[in-house]
Amino acid sequence: MNNLTILNLILKFRGPQFEWELTNKFIILQILCSIFAFFCRFCLARIFYDEVN
């Protein structure tokens, strides 16, 4: 079993790459996941609560 980290998952699917390339891809992944999380939070909050600030 491989080391189960997000960095190793990126390396597994994208193959070997320079550290700066891996860092850039990881940062982009974090930004996209954060945007998705905020979107889910505000959409789901409207379902469960009457008023969302």
C-alpha atoms as a PDB file:
ATOM      1  CA  MET A   1       0.000   0.000   0.000  1.00  0.00           C
ATOM      2  CA  ASN A   2       1.255   3.440  -0.886  1.00  0.00           C
ATOM      3  CA  ASN A   3       1.408   6.454   1.399  1.00  0.00           C
ATOM      4  CA  LEU A   4      -2.200   7.692   1.352  1.00  0.00           C
ATOM      5  CA  THR A   5      -1.820  11.453   0.908  1.00  0.00           C
ATOM      6  CA  ILE A   6      -3.292  13.860  -1.614  1.00  0.00           C
ATOM      7  CA  LEU A   7       0.187  14.617  -2.962  1.00  0.00           C
ATOM      8  CA  ASN A   8       0.794  10.939  -3.695  1.00  0.00           C
ATOM      9  CA  LEU A   9      -2.644  10.653  -5.282  1.00  0.00           C
ATOM     10  CA  ILE A  10      -1.771  13.507  -7.652  1.00  0.00           C
ATOM     11  CA  LEU A  11       1.563  11.842  -8.450  1.00  0.00           C
ATOM     12  CA  LYS A  12      -0.150   8.515  -9.086  1.00  0.00           C
ATOM     13  CA  PHE A  13      -2.566   9.972 -11.655  1.00  0.00           C
ATOM     14  CA  ARG A  14      -0.269  12.625 -13.186  1.00  0.00           C
ATOM     15  CA  GLY A  15       3.052  10.785 -13.021  1.00  0.00           C
ATOM     16  CA  PRO A  16       6.448  12.139 -12.000  1.00  0.00           C
ATOM     17  CA  GLN A  17       6.832  15.901 -12.065  1.00  0.00           C
ATOM     18  CA  PHE A  18       8.865  18.732 -10.635  1.00  0.00           C
ATOM     19  CA  GLU A  19       8.117  19.945  -7.125  1.00  0.00           C
ATOM     20  CA  TRP A  20       6.914  23.355  -8.325  1.00  0.00           C
ATOM     21  CA  GLU A  21       4.459  21.699 -10.745  1.00  0.00           C
ATOM     22  CA  LEU A  22       3.104  19.452  -7.998  1.00  0.00           C
ATOM     23  CA  THR A  23       2.783  22.422  -5.646  1.00  0.00           C
ATOM     24  CA  ASN A  24       0.851  24.444  -8.234  1.00  0.00           C
ATOM     25  CA  LYS A  25      -1.524  21.554  -8.935  1.00  0.00           C
ATOM     26  CA  PHE A  26      -2.051  20.998  -5.208  1.00  0.00           C
ATOM     27  CA  ILE A  27      -2.856  24.683  -4.631  1.00  0.00           C
ATOM     28  CA  ILE A  28      -5.323  24.673  -7.535  1.00  0.00           C
ATOM     29  CA  LEU A  29      -6.956  21.534  -6.116  1.00  0.00           C
ATOM     30  CA  GLN A  30      -7.279  23.176  -2.689  1.00  0.00           C
ATOM     31  CA  ILE A  31      -8.842  26.314  -4.182  1.00  0.00           C
ATOM     32  CA  LEU A  32     -11.357  24.287  -6.213  1.00  0.00           C
ATOM     33  CA  CYS A  33     -12.289  22.158  -3.197  1.00  0.00           C
ATOM     34  CA  SER A  34     -12.754  25.275  -1.047  1.00  0.00           C
ATOM     35  CA  ILE A  35     -15.021  26.879  -3.652  1.00  0.00           C
ATOM     36  CA  PHE A  36     -17.040  23.666  -3.851  1.00  0.00           C
ATOM     37  CA  ALA A  37     -17.307  23.498  -0.035  1.00  0.00           C
ATOM     38  CA  PHE A  38     -18.571  27.097   0.239  1.00  0.00           C
ATOM     39  CA  PHE A  39     -21.063  26.459  -2.561  1.00  0.00           C
ATOM     40  CA  CYS A  40     -22.376  23.352  -0.772  1.00  0.00           C
ATOM     41  CA  ARG A  41     -22.534  25.148   2.561  1.00  0.00           C
ATOM     42  CA  PHE A  42     -24.680  28.006   1.293  1.00  0.00           C
ATOM     43  CA  CYS A  43     -26.915  25.840  -0.901  1.00  0.00           C
ATOM     44  CA  LEU A  44     -27.536  23.245   1.791  1.00  0.00           C
ATOM     45  CA  ALA A  45     -28.064  25.907   4.451  1.00  0.00           C
ATOM     46  CA  ARG A  46     -31.041  27.231   2.482  1.00  0.00           C
ATOM     47  CA  ILE A  47     -32.605  23.771   2.572  1.00  0.00           C
ATOM     48  CA  PHE A  48     -32.284  23.351   6.343  1.00  0.00           C
ATOM     49  CA  TYR A  49     -32.733  26.941   7.592  1.00  0.00           C
ATOM     50  CA  ASP A  50     -35.267  29.650   6.787  1.00  0.00           C
ATOM     51  CA  GLU A  51     -32.800  32.524   6.984  1.00  0.00           C
ATOM     52  CA  VAL A  52     -29.164  32.372   5.861  1.00  0.00           C
ATOM     53  CA  ASN A  53     -26.761  35.229   6.574  1.00  0.00           C
END
